[in-house]
Amino acid sequence: MTKPLRAALDVIIRSLETPKTVLEIGSRQAINQEELANFRSLFPSSKYLGIDAQEGPGVDQVVNAQILPFKANSFDMVLCFETLEHVDKPWIVCSEIERVLKPSGVAIVSGQQNFPIHMHPSDYYRFTPYGMKSLFPFLISKIVVAISPPFDDEVKLNPQHEILIGSKLNINKQLGKIKKALRRNIDTISVHKPYVHRLDEIGRLIRRAISEIRFRQEIEFF
């Protein structure tokens, strides 16, 4: 979970009505993510259930997300953040999200396209915005929001994060409200980037430029 992604998710969630029941899939808060990945404080009056394949902070129940032990149409909101890339069959998890979501409910799912491999404990997939949409055929009203640094039109061509918001019913008015809220809060989403990270990025670009002088491919085996 990055700070810009968290800021965008906060804006999206606060733009929606407070749900009575919330299911978070992949709720375990990794080391140094206890605050950043904790969404419970945004739902003080909701019945909140956090599930994960592993025990840990933020996990109420250890569950295999490919076989959710809940009845159909059980939750007003289903959250799944930075989890699908770590699932070997994400399309099954997405189908389960659609199954347990109430017809009037809202699903909010985040994924990645341009991001380094990070074992947690495994890392399988990346998603384009179009691929993310295709994973939820029964959410008839949906948008995908892309977030990325402002370089070479990355947000359109190779975005870092994608957030899908969708419902089985027509929620186009709510989606329009979310779009306006995100545009209005772009400064909040553009959280301060530490100067040491900026220097690291400049160094990376310089090293990349030098490598172009004597260009060659590299090979790795997995």
Foldseek 3Di string as FASTA:
>chain_A
DDLLVLLLVLLLLVLDDAWQEEEEEAQAQDVVRLPSSDDVVVRVNHHYAYEYCDDHPRHPYDDDLLDDPDAFQATQEYEYEAPLQQDPCSLSSLVSVNRNHHQNHKYKYKFFFDDDFDPPVHGHDHADQVRVVVSHPQFPAKHKQFDAPPPPPCSNVGGGMIMMMTHNDHPVVSVVSSVVSCVVCVVSSVDDDDVVVVVVVVVVVVVVVVCVVVDDDDDDDD
